[in-house]
Amino acid sequence: MAQPTEGMTNFAEIMKDAVTEEFGEKHLNSLTSLTTALRTPDFRADVKEDVFKGLKTVLEKSFTAIKRLDKEAAEISMSLQMATECFRSLRNACIQCFNNQCRLRELGFIDTTVGILSVLHKRQYKQPDHLSDALRCGIQFLGNLAVQNQKCQDDIWEHGFPQLFLGLLGASDEKAIAYTCMALHTCLNEQKVEQLTKQQDSFAVALKVMELCRTQPELDWTILIVTEHFLKSQKLIEKMYTAMSPHDRLTLLELISAHLGEGCEESEECGILPASGEFLAFCFKDSCKSVLLIDSGSPADDEEAIIVIRLLDILCEMTSGRKVFTFLQDCKDLLETTLGKYIGVNIFSPLFACQHSLCSV
């Protein structure tokens, strides 16, 4: 059995003192030592139950202080620092340790953490000192807790969805948003994706993810959420496309197009179902008239026309050797719609100019 690092044997006693004393450097230093020790796999595997219980006590005391706005700034600051270091310790305790994940879930850390994060994200502008660190580390802890642990994923979902996820996705801190997307991606599965279509608050989470794909394209986790989860649900694609602004609709189509370009010829492999292809064909037929407005000079009309062009690109990709989408080749009205809108109309030049412009972006 791994021996604890120097000072770890007194950790439980120091944390007991923290319950009755004001938080101070002694308590914070003890937590920092624990965080460091938990980076070691052997120590992580043999950590005592009293250590986790001590962390729970400190976290609950910090939560009580954070909720009270009439506290002195110094006390709030120390409580935030203590909560942050607790989250760092807990985050490290979960790394490749299924047993610790289960123990922390059974001790009620998910409920406490969700409660703290729910308060923190609403007060980002009131108490900026140390708040961002606490917010980030708390989200990271939930993300690590959920990795390859279905029970933890389900509990996080039950306690934090949709309101906490929706609030955190709208945070002012970009790193907090990124960690939230990581946790959301880890928790999602087929059943949870279907939940996104059933209630307005849940659906708002999906729309927020799509908005982030457009406004923060450097976030890999949002792209993974869409390509590995959202695109597998025809219901969600249809509902999102219908509800989206033209900006976000174009973003969705760009992701579908890119994903098709990277995928295999089987729709199950590329993650897009035949029913989704049928829906996009309907959207193309319904919106094809918008391409006539491409030279109107109106930015909104131009955007609608670009959407039609992107839909056509997707349909071309789907019918290019992909067996599961060959039924689209038999849609006579799809071909008639395409030709009927182009023949005899002098739009080819601006159409190709627009396509060239898109390719050069």
Foldseek 3Di string as FASTA:
>chain_A
DDDFPPPLVCLLVVLVVCLVDQDDPVNLVSLQSLLVRLLDPVCLQPPDPSNLVSLVSLLVVLLVVCVDPPDDLVSVLRSLSSLLSSLSNLLSSLAVHLPSLVSCVVVPVLLSLLSSLVSLQVCCPPNVRSSVSSLLSSLSSLLSSLAPHQVSLVVNCVNQPPVSLLSQCPGPDPSSNLSSLSSVQSSDDQVLLVVLLPDPSSVSSVLSLLVCCQVPVVRVSSLCCCQVHVQLDLSSLVVCCVPDDLSSNVSSLVSLLVLLVPFDLECVGSNHALSNLVVLLVVLLVQVLLLLCCPVPDPSSVSSNVSSVSSVSNNVSNCPNRVRNVVVVVPPVSVVSVCVNPPPRPRVVSVVVVVVVVVVD
